[in-house]
Amino acid sequence: MTGNESRFANGPFEGKTLGEVWPHISSDWAGTSLERSSDFPLLVKFIFPEDKLSVQVHPDDAYAARHEQAAGGRGKTEMWYVVAARPGAKVLVGLKSDVTREHFTRSISEGTAENCLDAIALGPGDGIFVPAGTAHTIGPGFVLCEIQQSSDLTYRVYDYNRRDANGQSRPLHIEKALDVMRFGKQSAGKITPVATKRGHLAETHYAVCRYFATEHWSFALGVEAASLPERFDLLVFLEGRGHIGWGAQRAAYRPAEVWLIPAALGSFELLPEVRTSLLRTYVPGDLKELKQRLSERGVSEAQWLSLVHV
């Protein structure tokens, strides 16, 4: 997991947590466009469910600011990238169009809440966008990489009546969940990715919103890249091994590592020993600037609209 509690494995902040460093980090690292008075803005984690997760929903920023200041006051919008999936693995994301608040409330007491959600079968390489206010749950059989706002606010509405070894059930948050849950038209669901190619790099764009933008990179030969002065990048290595090179320096990368690329680093190289894939994610800042950059790479207006979530 990469978030406030993650520790730097090397570099000038070795041994310190992101939460300790972020409020004081220079713009050379964080970028010129990001606020640093609060928590690190992104949370990245891998999820390996072997049982159904609870049916749950997350609040948006406005609700969290009013009601959850003690928990940070931030909502939770997220996306999932499917690293691996067993045949038949599925998620339930978004309420069916005919589900009302009354219908859903009744389904909780009847133990049929998951029947109110749309089931989506997923395979490796698929992505799902889950904005705040979306009812959802994840079934077993996945390895998912979740990229989200830095928030742990989760309102559980149904947990299959499970109990722990002491006979205790986990608390539910039904009233809050119903307050924030989106009924009617849903904006969550399976992502239609947009592929571009740049030299040896196969680049696939998954989602863009105010909180994060996420791309998948795949390459078997060396790739030149560059950071931008406005923001840092996170590189989440999924498979492969090799080196990152900048200036006269090199450092080895391996799967399941997350690298923070400083905003002021400028040009760097990814030098694979074997085919490598990774997720690159960042806080995009000015969406107009990002739209223009993707347009220069051949992304059409229609493709942009399929990627962006406002």
C-alpha atoms as a PDB file:
ATOM      1  CA  MET A   1       0.000   0.000   0.000  1.00  0.00           C
ATOM      2  CA  THR A   2       1.222   3.511  -0.817  1.00  0.00           C
ATOM      3  CA  GLY A   3      -0.215   6.272   1.337  1.00  0.00           C
ATOM      4  CA  ASN A   4       0.565   8.226   4.504  1.00  0.00           C
ATOM      5  CA  GLU A   5       1.876   5.153   6.350  1.00  0.00           C
ATOM      6  CA  SER A   6       4.199   3.988   3.549  1.00  0.00           C
ATOM      7  CA  ARG A   7       7.925   4.328   4.170  1.00  0.00           C
ATOM      8  CA  PHE A   8      10.590   5.419   1.739  1.00  0.00           C
ATOM      9  CA  ALA A   9      12.889   2.463   1.042  1.00  0.00           C
ATOM     10  CA  ASN A  10      15.771   4.631  -0.167  1.00  0.00           C
ATOM     11  CA  GLY A  11      16.706   8.142  -1.202  1.00  0.00           C
ATOM     12  CA  PRO A  12      16.910  11.275   0.964  1.00  0.00           C
ATOM     13  CA  PHE A  13      13.795  10.338   2.976  1.00  0.00           C
ATOM     14  CA  GLU A  14      14.782   6.725   3.649  1.00  0.00           C
ATOM     15  CA  GLY A  15      12.911   5.261   6.623  1.00  0.00           C
ATOM     16  CA  LYS A  16      10.414   8.108   6.896  1.00  0.00           C
ATOM     17  CA  THR A  17       6.725   7.804   6.091  1.00  0.00           C
ATOM     18  CA  LEU A  18       4.984   9.749   3.353  1.00  0.00           C
ATOM     19  CA  GLY A  19       2.755  11.269   6.032  1.00  0.00           C
ATOM     20  CA  GLU A  20       5.805  12.632   7.873  1.00  0.00           C
ATOM     21  CA  VAL A  21       7.461  13.999   4.769  1.00  0.00           C
ATOM     22  CA  TRP A  22       4.573  15.343   2.687  1.00  0.00           C
ATOM     23  CA  PRO A  23       3.653  18.511   4.672  1.00  0.00           C
ATOM     24  CA  HIS A  24       7.283  19.711   4.491  1.00  0.00           C
ATOM     25  CA  ILE A  25       8.410  18.349   1.121  1.00  0.00           C
ATOM     26  CA  SER A  26       9.699  20.837  -1.432  1.00  0.00           C
ATOM     27  CA  SER A  27       8.002  21.650  -4.732  1.00  0.00           C
ATOM     28  CA  ASP A  28      10.954  19.954  -6.452  1.00  0.00           C
ATOM     29  CA  TRP A  29       9.415  16.722  -5.206  1.00  0.00           C
ATOM     30  CA  ALA A  30       5.688  17.446  -4.932  1.00  0.00           C
ATOM     31  CA  GLY A  31       5.335  19.829  -7.857  1.00  0.00           C
ATOM     32  CA  THR A  32       4.213  23.421  -8.034  1.00  0.00           C
ATOM     33  CA  SER A  33       0.449  22.802  -8.258  1.00  0.00           C
ATOM     34  CA  LEU A  34      -0.255  20.577  -5.242  1.00  0.00           C
ATOM     35  CA  GLU A  35      -1.199  21.622  -1.721  1.00  0.00           C
ATOM     36  CA  ARG A  36       1.018  20.061   0.942  1.00  0.00           C
ATOM     37  CA  SER A  37      -0.686  21.169   4.161  1.00  0.00           C
ATOM     38  CA  SER A  38      -2.767  17.976   4.355  1.00  0.00           C
ATOM     39  CA  ASP A  39      -2.181  14.264   3.708  1.00  0.00           C
ATOM     40  CA  PHE A  40      -0.473  12.738   0.700  1.00  0.00           C
ATOM     41  CA  PRO A  41      -3.204  12.995  -1.963  1.00  0.00           C
ATOM     42  CA  LEU A  42      -3.195   9.430  -3.348  1.00  0.00           C
ATOM     43  CA  LEU A  43      -3.664   5.989  -1.856  1.00  0.00           C
ATOM     44  CA  VAL A  44      -2.576   2.950  -3.900  1.00  0.00           C
ATOM     45  CA  LYS A  45      -3.162  -0.579  -2.687  1.00  0.00           C
ATOM     46  CA  PHE A  46      -3.422  -4.151  -3.927  1.00  0.00           C
ATOM     47  CA  ILE A  47      -6.554  -6.139  -3.054  1.00  0.00           C
ATOM     48  CA  PHE A  48      -6.619  -9.964  -2.990  1.00  0.00           C
ATOM     49  CA  PRO A  49     -10.206 -10.904  -2.022  1.00  0.00           C
ATOM     50  CA  GLU A  50     -10.944 -14.580  -1.358  1.00  0.00           C
ATOM     51  CA  ASP A  51     -14.450 -13.819  -0.111  1.00  0.00           C
ATOM     52  CA  LYS A  52     -17.063 -11.219  -0.992  1.00  0.00           C
ATOM     53  CA  LEU A  53     -16.332  -7.807   0.427  1.00  0.00           C
ATOM     54  CA  SER A  54     -19.146  -5.954   2.160  1.00  0.00           C
ATOM     55  CA  VAL A  55     -21.672  -3.963   0.144  1.00  0.00           C
ATOM     56  CA  GLN A  56     -20.512  -0.407   0.785  1.00  0.00           C
ATOM     57  CA  VAL A  57     -20.387   3.186  -0.407  1.00  0.00           C
ATOM     58  CA  HIS A  58     -18.041   6.137   0.103  1.00  0.00           C
ATOM     59  CA  PRO A  59     -19.038   9.785   0.693  1.00  0.00           C
ATOM     60  CA  ASP A  60     -17.997  12.671  -1.524  1.00  0.00           C
ATOM     61  CA  ASP A  61     -15.878  15.617  -0.385  1.00  0.00           C
ATOM     62  CA  ALA A  62     -18.826  17.851   0.497  1.00  0.00           C
ATOM     63  CA  TYR A  63     -20.460  15.275   2.780  1.00  0.00           C
ATOM     64  CA  ALA A  64     -17.128  14.291   4.364  1.00  0.00           C
ATOM     65  CA  ALA A  65     -16.272  17.936   5.037  1.00  0.00           C
ATOM     66  CA  ARG A  66     -19.578  18.409   6.858  1.00  0.00           C
ATOM     67  CA  HIS A  67     -19.753  15.162   8.787  1.00  0.00           C
ATOM     68  CA  GLU A  68     -16.313  13.496   8.916  1.00  0.00           C
ATOM     69  CA  GLN A  69     -13.767  16.105   9.888  1.00  0.00           C
ATOM     70  CA  ALA A  70     -12.361  13.799  12.564  1.00  0.00           C
ATOM     71  CA  ALA A  71     -11.603  11.245   9.832  1.00  0.00           C
ATOM     72  CA  GLY A  72      -9.903  13.759   7.553  1.00  0.00           C
ATOM     73  CA  GLY A  73     -12.917  15.383   5.917  1.00  0.00           C
ATOM     74  CA  ARG A  74     -12.206  13.971   2.449  1.00  0.00           C
ATOM     75  CA  GLY A  75     -14.430  11.790   0.302  1.00  0.00           C
ATOM     76  CA  LYS A  76     -13.340   8.750  -1.632  1.00  0.00           C
ATOM     77  CA  THR A  77     -13.411   8.312  -5.393  1.00  0.00           C
ATOM     78  CA  GLU A  78     -11.458   5.333  -6.693  1.00  0.00           C
ATOM     79  CA  MET A  79     -10.658   3.105  -9.640  1.00  0.00           C
ATOM     80  CA  TRP A  80      -9.632  -0.545  -9.870  1.00  0.00           C
ATOM     81  CA  TYR A  81      -7.216  -2.054 -12.366  1.00  0.00           C
ATOM     82  CA  VAL A  82      -7.461  -5.835 -12.767  1.00  0.00           C
ATOM     83  CA  VAL A  83      -3.988  -7.358 -12.460  1.00  0.00           C
ATOM     84  CA  ALA A  84      -5.317 -10.942 -12.453  1.00  0.00           C
ATOM     85  CA  ALA A  85      -8.709 -12.627 -12.352  1.00  0.00           C
ATOM     86  CA  ARG A  86      -9.973 -16.170 -12.151  1.00  0.00           C
ATOM     87  CA  PRO A  87     -12.619 -17.187 -14.723  1.00  0.00           C
ATOM     88  CA  GLY A  88     -16.045 -15.918 -13.680  1.00  0.00           C
ATOM     89  CA  ALA A  89     -14.726 -13.359 -11.194  1.00  0.00           C
ATOM     90  CA  LYS A  90     -16.998 -10.320 -10.985  1.00  0.00           C
ATOM     91  CA  VAL A  91     -17.657  -7.108  -9.141  1.00  0.00           C
ATOM     92  CA  LEU A  92     -20.966  -5.445  -8.317  1.00  0.00           C
ATOM     93  CA  VAL A  93     -20.827  -1.725  -9.069  1.00  0.00           C
ATOM     94  CA  GLY A  94     -23.676   0.778  -9.211  1.00  0.00           C
ATOM     95  CA  LEU A  95     -27.365   0.377  -8.460  1.00  0.00           C
ATOM     96  CA  LYS A  96     -29.723  -0.909 -11.109  1.00  0.00           C
ATOM     97  CA  SER A  97     -31.753   1.864 -12.718  1.00  0.00           C
ATOM     98  CA  ASP A  98     -35.062   0.911 -11.078  1.00  0.00           C
ATOM     99  CA  VAL A  99     -33.702   0.712  -7.510  1.00  0.00           C
ATOM    100  CA  THR A 100     -35.113   3.419  -5.235  1.00  0.00           C
ATOM    101  CA  ARG A 101     -34.027   4.359  -1.717  1.00  0.00           C
ATOM    102  CA  GLU A 102     -37.065   2.532  -0.306  1.00  0.00           C
ATOM    103  CA  HIS A 103     -36.358  -0.567  -2.402  1.00  0.00           C
ATOM    104  CA  PHE A 104     -32.708  -0.639  -1.319  1.00  0.00           C
ATOM    105  CA  THR A 105     -33.541  -0.080   2.347  1.00  0.00           C
ATOM    106  CA  ARG A 106     -35.915  -3.019   2.236  1.00  0.00           C
ATOM    107  CA  SER A 107     -33.316  -5.194   0.506  1.00  0.00           C
ATOM    108  CA  ILE A 108     -30.870  -4.652   3.385  1.00  0.00           C
ATOM    109  CA  SER A 109     -33.298  -6.070   5.943  1.00  0.00           C
ATOM    110  CA  GLU A 110     -34.204  -8.915   3.565  1.00  0.00           C
ATOM    111  CA  GLY A 111     -30.547  -9.826   2.913  1.00  0.00           C
ATOM    112  CA  THR A 112     -30.820  -9.174  -0.840  1.00  0.00           C
ATOM    113  CA  ALA A 113     -28.830  -5.933  -1.148  1.00  0.00           C
ATOM    114  CA  GLU A 114     -26.382  -7.318  -3.695  1.00  0.00           C
ATOM    115  CA  ASN A 115     -29.289  -8.110  -6.056  1.00  0.00           C
ATOM    116  CA  CYS A 116     -29.800  -4.346  -6.410  1.00  0.00           C
ATOM    117  CA  LEU A 117     -26.338  -3.837  -7.954  1.00  0.00           C
ATOM    118  CA  ASP A 118     -25.105  -4.395 -11.511  1.00  0.00           C
ATOM    119  CA  ALA A 119     -22.772  -7.384 -11.871  1.00  0.00           C
ATOM    120  CA  ILE A 120     -19.715  -6.873 -14.093  1.00  0.00           C
ATOM    121  CA  ALA A 121     -17.432  -9.747 -15.110  1.00  0.00           C
ATOM    122  CA  LEU A 122     -13.803  -8.659 -15.393  1.00  0.00           C
ATOM    123  CA  GLY A 123     -10.552 -10.028 -16.769  1.00  0.00           C
ATOM    124  CA  PRO A 124      -6.904  -8.961 -16.621  1.00  0.00           C
ATOM    125  CA  GLY A 125      -6.370  -5.461 -17.980  1.00  0.00           C
ATOM    126  CA  ASP A 126      -9.916  -4.275 -17.305  1.00  0.00           C
ATOM    127  CA  GLY A 127     -10.596  -1.161 -15.269  1.00  0.00           C
ATOM    128  CA  ILE A 128     -13.541   0.093 -13.219  1.00  0.00           C
ATOM    129  CA  PHE A 129     -14.211   3.681 -12.166  1.00  0.00           C
ATOM    130  CA  VAL A 130     -16.046   4.046  -8.841  1.00  0.00           C
ATOM    131  CA  PRO A 131     -16.964   7.643  -7.964  1.00  0.00           C
ATOM    132  CA  ALA A 132     -18.054   8.605  -4.462  1.00  0.00           C
ATOM    133  CA  GLY A 133     -21.697   7.729  -3.855  1.00  0.00           C
ATOM    134  CA  THR A 134     -21.564   4.448  -5.805  1.00  0.00           C
ATOM    135  CA  ALA A 135     -22.751   1.281  -4.047  1.00  0.00           C
ATOM    136  CA  HIS A 136     -20.290  -1.539  -4.735  1.00  0.00           C
ATOM    137  CA  THR A 137     -18.669  -4.758  -3.637  1.00  0.00           C
ATOM    138  CA  ILE A 138     -15.832  -6.952  -4.930  1.00  0.00           C
ATOM    139  CA  GLY A 139     -16.157 -10.697  -5.343  1.00  0.00           C
ATOM    140  CA  PRO A 140     -13.411 -13.302  -4.826  1.00  0.00           C
ATOM    141  CA  GLY A 141     -10.802 -14.333  -7.382  1.00  0.00           C
ATOM    142  CA  PHE A 142      -9.095 -11.035  -8.175  1.00  0.00           C
ATOM    143  CA  VAL A 143      -5.814  -9.253  -7.800  1.00  0.00           C
ATOM    144  CA  LEU A 144      -6.774  -5.589  -8.076  1.00  0.00           C
ATOM    145  CA  CYS A 145      -4.717  -2.437  -7.919  1.00  0.00           C
ATOM    146  CA  GLU A 146      -6.875   0.266  -6.358  1.00  0.00           C
ATOM    147  CA  ILE A 147      -6.042   3.936  -6.905  1.00  0.00           C
ATOM    148  CA  GLN A 148      -8.039   6.414  -4.869  1.00  0.00           C
ATOM    149  CA  GLN A 149      -8.243   9.616  -2.924  1.00  0.00           C
ATOM    150  CA  SER A 150      -6.368   9.463   0.339  1.00  0.00           C
ATOM    151  CA  SER A 151      -9.349   8.526   2.507  1.00  0.00           C
ATOM    152  CA  ASP A 152     -10.541   5.506   4.460  1.00  0.00           C
ATOM    153  CA  LEU A 153     -14.166   6.585   4.790  1.00  0.00           C
ATOM    154  CA  THR A 154     -16.346   3.553   4.070  1.00  0.00           C
ATOM    155  CA  TYR A 155     -20.023   3.103   4.937  1.00  0.00           C
ATOM    156  CA  ARG A 156     -21.004  -0.566   5.046  1.00  0.00           C
ATOM    157  CA  VAL A 157     -24.647  -1.372   4.351  1.00  0.00           C
ATOM    158  CA  TYR A 158     -24.572  -5.162   4.215  1.00  0.00           C
ATOM    159  CA  ASP A 159     -21.946  -7.697   5.331  1.00  0.00           C
ATOM    160  CA  TYR A 160     -23.723 -11.030   4.666  1.00  0.00           C
ATOM    161  CA  ASN A 161     -24.401 -11.418   8.416  1.00  0.00           C
ATOM    162  CA  ARG A 162     -20.803 -12.511   8.961  1.00  0.00           C
ATOM    163  CA  ARG A 163     -19.346 -12.698  12.442  1.00  0.00           C
ATOM    164  CA  ASP A 164     -15.780 -12.869  13.738  1.00  0.00           C
ATOM    165  CA  ALA A 165     -14.293 -15.533  16.026  1.00  0.00           C
ATOM    166  CA  ASN A 166     -15.892 -13.801  19.014  1.00  0.00           C
ATOM    167  CA  GLY A 167     -19.328 -13.818  17.426  1.00  0.00           C
ATOM    168  CA  GLN A 168     -19.220 -10.084  16.724  1.00  0.00           C
ATOM    169  CA  SER A 169     -20.425  -8.574  13.467  1.00  0.00           C
ATOM    170  CA  ARG A 170     -18.773  -5.547  11.912  1.00  0.00           C
ATOM    171  CA  PRO A 171     -20.647  -2.272  12.386  1.00  0.00           C
ATOM    172  CA  LEU A 172     -22.924  -1.071   9.600  1.00  0.00           C
ATOM    173  CA  HIS A 173     -23.468   2.577   8.655  1.00  0.00           C
ATOM    174  CA  ILE A 174     -26.843   2.381   6.958  1.00  0.00           C
ATOM    175  CA  GLU A 175     -28.159   5.906   7.556  1.00  0.00           C
ATOM    176  CA  LYS A 176     -24.960   7.592   6.400  1.00  0.00           C
ATOM    177  CA  ALA A 177     -24.754   5.231   3.437  1.00  0.00           C
ATOM    178  CA  LEU A 178     -28.276   6.071   2.330  1.00  0.00           C
ATOM    179  CA  ASP A 179     -27.492   9.781   2.716  1.00  0.00           C
ATOM    180  CA  VAL A 180     -24.604   9.602   0.230  1.00  0.00           C
ATOM    181  CA  MET A 181     -25.696   6.789  -2.096  1.00  0.00           C
ATOM    182  CA  ARG A 182     -26.435   7.678  -5.710  1.00  0.00           C
ATOM    183  CA  PHE A 183     -29.820   6.460  -6.945  1.00  0.00           C
ATOM    184  CA  GLY A 184     -31.036   6.704 -10.543  1.00  0.00           C
ATOM    185  CA  LYS A 185     -28.488   7.274 -13.296  1.00  0.00           C
ATOM    186  CA  GLN A 186     -25.055   5.878 -12.411  1.00  0.00           C
ATOM    187  CA  SER A 187     -21.675   7.226 -13.530  1.00  0.00           C
ATOM    188  CA  ALA A 188     -19.615   4.244 -12.381  1.00  0.00           C
ATOM    189  CA  GLY A 189     -18.684   1.196 -14.385  1.00  0.00           C
ATOM    190  CA  LYS A 190     -16.251  -0.476 -16.725  1.00  0.00           C
ATOM    191  CA  ILE A 191     -13.688   1.815 -18.325  1.00  0.00           C
ATOM    192  CA  THR A 192     -13.155   1.970 -22.084  1.00  0.00           C
ATOM    193  CA  PRO A 193      -9.373   2.496 -22.209  1.00  0.00           C
ATOM    194  CA  VAL A 194      -7.660   4.517 -24.917  1.00  0.00           C
ATOM    195  CA  ALA A 195      -4.376   3.210 -26.373  1.00  0.00           C
ATOM    196  CA  THR A 196      -1.557   5.358 -27.725  1.00  0.00           C
ATOM    197  CA  LYS A 197       1.982   4.464 -28.767  1.00  0.00           C
ATOM    198  CA  ARG A 198       5.146   6.419 -28.130  1.00  0.00           C
ATOM    199  CA  GLY A 199       8.365   4.836 -29.387  1.00  0.00           C
ATOM    200  CA  HIS A 200       8.782   1.460 -27.675  1.00  0.00           C
ATOM    201  CA  LEU A 201       6.090   2.315 -25.140  1.00  0.00           C
ATOM    202  CA  ALA A 202       2.544   0.957 -25.399  1.00  0.00           C
ATOM    203  CA  GLU A 203       0.543   3.415 -23.333  1.00  0.00           C
ATOM    204  CA  THR A 204      -3.089   2.842 -22.345  1.00  0.00           C
ATOM    205  CA  HIS A 205      -5.100   5.580 -20.648  1.00  0.00           C
ATOM    206  CA  TYR A 206      -7.766   4.437 -18.173  1.00  0.00           C
ATOM    207  CA  ALA A 207      -9.297   7.298 -16.228  1.00  0.00           C
ATOM    208  CA  VAL A 208      -8.950  11.016 -15.612  1.00  0.00           C
ATOM    209  CA  CYS A 209     -10.647  12.904 -12.794  1.00  0.00           C
ATOM    210  CA  ARG A 210      -9.739  15.781 -10.502  1.00  0.00           C
ATOM    211  CA  TYR A 211      -8.195  13.362  -7.985  1.00  0.00           C
ATOM    212  CA  PHE A 212      -6.059  11.140 -10.230  1.00  0.00           C
ATOM    213  CA  ALA A 213      -5.204  10.142 -13.762  1.00  0.00           C
ATOM    214  CA  THR A 214      -4.053   6.593 -14.459  1.00  0.00           C
ATOM    215  CA  GLU A 215      -2.242   4.990 -17.386  1.00  0.00           C
ATOM    216  CA  HIS A 216      -0.863   1.513 -18.074  1.00  0.00           C
ATOM    217  CA  TRP A 217       2.607   1.289 -19.628  1.00  0.00           C
ATOM    218  CA  SER A 218       4.068  -1.809 -21.272  1.00  0.00           C
ATOM    219  CA  PHE A 219       7.539  -2.025 -22.834  1.00  0.00           C
ATOM    220  CA  ALA A 220      10.280  -4.533 -23.637  1.00  0.00           C
ATOM    221  CA  LEU A 221      12.926  -2.031 -24.757  1.00  0.00           C
ATOM    222  CA  GLY A 222      14.210   1.160 -23.188  1.00  0.00           C
ATOM    223  CA  VAL A 223      11.756   4.021 -22.734  1.00  0.00           C
ATOM    224  CA  GLU A 224      12.510   7.711 -22.277  1.00  0.00           C
ATOM    225  CA  ALA A 225      10.158   9.629 -20.003  1.00  0.00           C
ATOM    226  CA  ALA A 226      10.073  12.918 -18.137  1.00  0.00           C
ATOM    227  CA  SER A 227       8.414  14.353 -15.065  1.00  0.00           C
ATOM    228  CA  LEU A 228       6.565  17.660 -15.191  1.00  0.00           C
ATOM    229  CA  PRO A 229       7.318  20.541 -12.782  1.00  0.00           C
ATOM    230  CA  GLU A 230       3.656  20.779 -11.710  1.00  0.00           C
ATOM    231  CA  ARG A 231       3.373  17.316 -10.136  1.00  0.00           C
ATOM    232  CA  PHE A 232       5.010  14.095  -9.006  1.00  0.00           C
ATOM    233  CA  ASP A 233       4.312  10.700 -10.618  1.00  0.00           C
ATOM    234  CA  LEU A 234       3.800   7.325  -8.969  1.00  0.00           C
ATOM    235  CA  LEU A 235       5.024   4.312 -10.957  1.00  0.00           C
ATOM    236  CA  VAL A 236       3.403   1.085  -9.724  1.00  0.00           C
ATOM    237  CA  PHE A 237       5.382  -1.833 -11.161  1.00  0.00           C
ATOM    238  CA  LEU A 238       3.194  -4.841 -11.970  1.00  0.00           C
ATOM    239  CA  GLU A 239       5.621  -7.171 -13.742  1.00  0.00           C
ATOM    240  CA  GLY A 240       9.157  -7.224 -15.085  1.00  0.00           C
ATOM    241  CA  ARG A 241      12.491  -6.041 -13.779  1.00  0.00           C
ATOM    242  CA  GLY A 242      15.121  -3.573 -14.879  1.00  0.00           C
ATOM    243  CA  HIS A 243      16.484  -0.182 -13.936  1.00  0.00           C
ATOM    244  CA  ILE A 244      15.407   3.424 -13.699  1.00  0.00           C
ATOM    245  CA  GLY A 245      18.137   5.752 -14.897  1.00  0.00           C
ATOM    246  CA  TRP A 246      18.479   9.504 -14.356  1.00  0.00           C
ATOM    247  CA  GLY A 247      21.638  11.477 -14.989  1.00  0.00           C
ATOM    248  CA  ALA A 248      24.553   9.221 -14.072  1.00  0.00           C
ATOM    249  CA  GLN A 249      22.484   7.211 -11.578  1.00  0.00           C
ATOM    250  CA  ARG A 250      20.587   3.937 -11.870  1.00  0.00           C
ATOM    251  CA  ALA A 251      18.396   1.960  -9.489  1.00  0.00           C
ATOM    252  CA  ALA A 252      16.775  -1.448  -9.931  1.00  0.00           C
ATOM    253  CA  TYR A 253      12.996  -1.898 -10.009  1.00  0.00           C
ATOM    254  CA  ARG A 254      10.937  -5.038  -9.323  1.00  0.00           C
ATOM    255  CA  PRO A 255       7.235  -5.980  -9.319  1.00  0.00           C
ATOM    256  CA  ALA A 256       5.010  -4.627  -6.518  1.00  0.00           C
ATOM    257  CA  GLU A 257       7.275  -1.633  -5.949  1.00  0.00           C
ATOM    258  CA  VAL A 258       5.904   1.916  -6.097  1.00  0.00           C
ATOM    259  CA  TRP A 259       8.317   4.654  -7.117  1.00  0.00           C
ATOM    260  CA  LEU A 260       7.710   8.331  -6.411  1.00  0.00           C
ATOM    261  CA  ILE A 261       9.166  10.307  -9.321  1.00  0.00           C
ATOM    262  CA  PRO A 262       9.965  13.875  -8.200  1.00  0.00           C
ATOM    263  CA  ALA A 263       8.398  16.685 -10.200  1.00  0.00           C
ATOM    264  CA  ALA A 264      11.757  18.353 -10.859  1.00  0.00           C
ATOM    265  CA  LEU A 265      13.558  15.164 -11.910  1.00  0.00           C
ATOM    266  CA  GLY A 266      13.002  15.910 -15.599  1.00  0.00           C
ATOM    267  CA  SER A 267      14.189  13.269 -18.063  1.00  0.00           C
ATOM    268  CA  PHE A 268      14.639   9.675 -16.929  1.00  0.00           C
ATOM    269  CA  GLU A 269      14.856   6.245 -18.555  1.00  0.00           C
ATOM    270  CA  LEU A 270      13.178   2.912 -17.928  1.00  0.00           C
ATOM    271  CA  LEU A 271      15.598   0.166 -18.927  1.00  0.00           C
ATOM    272  CA  PRO A 272      13.917  -3.262 -18.800  1.00  0.00           C
ATOM    273  CA  GLU A 273      15.753  -6.569 -18.510  1.00  0.00           C
ATOM    274  CA  VAL A 274      12.474  -8.344 -19.360  1.00  0.00           C
ATOM    275  CA  ARG A 275       9.102  -7.029 -20.552  1.00  0.00           C
ATOM    276  CA  THR A 276       7.747  -4.658 -17.956  1.00  0.00           C
ATOM    277  CA  SER A 277       4.296  -3.311 -17.201  1.00  0.00           C
ATOM    278  CA  LEU A 278       3.355  -0.619 -14.734  1.00  0.00           C
ATOM    279  CA  LEU A 279       0.626   1.798 -13.765  1.00  0.00           C
ATOM    280  CA  ARG A 280       1.510   5.466 -13.816  1.00  0.00           C
ATOM    281  CA  THR A 281      -0.767   7.637 -11.692  1.00  0.00           C
ATOM    282  CA  TYR A 282      -0.694  11.273 -10.676  1.00  0.00           C
ATOM    283  CA  VAL A 283      -2.879  14.203  -9.629  1.00  0.00           C
ATOM    284  CA  PRO A 284      -3.540  15.879 -12.985  1.00  0.00           C
ATOM    285  CA  GLY A 285      -4.158  19.488 -11.963  1.00  0.00           C
ATOM    286  CA  ASP A 286      -5.219  21.420 -15.074  1.00  0.00           C
ATOM    287  CA  LEU A 287      -7.412  19.064 -17.119  1.00  0.00           C
ATOM    288  CA  LYS A 288      -7.293  21.416 -20.122  1.00  0.00           C
ATOM    289  CA  GLU A 289      -3.516  21.048 -20.277  1.00  0.00           C
ATOM    290  CA  LEU A 290      -3.790  17.253 -20.008  1.00  0.00           C
ATOM    291  CA  LYS A 291      -6.462  17.177 -22.721  1.00  0.00           C
ATOM    292  CA  GLN A 292      -4.190  19.151 -25.044  1.00  0.00           C
ATOM    293  CA  ARG A 293      -1.246  16.831 -24.363  1.00  0.00           C
ATOM    294  CA  LEU A 294      -3.321  13.731 -25.103  1.00  0.00           C
ATOM    295  CA  SER A 295      -4.748  15.362 -28.203  1.00  0.00           C
ATOM    296  CA  GLU A 296      -1.188  15.756 -29.487  1.00  0.00           C
ATOM    297  CA  ARG A 297      -0.804  11.990 -29.050  1.00  0.00           C
ATOM    298  CA  GLY A 298      -3.873  11.297 -31.180  1.00  0.00           C
ATOM    299  CA  VAL A 299      -6.589  11.037 -28.521  1.00  0.00           C
ATOM    300  CA  SER A 300      -9.846  12.260 -30.089  1.00  0.00           C
ATOM    301  CA  GLU A 301     -12.504  14.402 -28.430  1.00  0.00           C
ATOM    302  CA  ALA A 302     -14.795  11.372 -28.113  1.00  0.00           C
ATOM    303  CA  GLN A 303     -12.016   9.290 -26.543  1.00  0.00           C
ATOM    304  CA  TRP A 304     -11.210  12.091 -24.100  1.00  0.00           C
ATOM    305  CA  LEU A 305     -14.840  12.289 -23.039  1.00  0.00           C
ATOM    306  CA  SER A 306     -14.834   8.523 -22.400  1.00  0.00           C
ATOM    307  CA  LEU A 307     -11.820   8.886 -20.108  1.00  0.00           C
ATOM    308  CA  VAL A 308     -12.662  11.997 -18.128  1.00  0.00           C
ATOM    309  CA  HIS A 309     -14.943  11.977 -15.097  1.00  0.00           C
ATOM    310  CA  VAL A 310     -15.891  15.376 -13.741  1.00  0.00           C
END
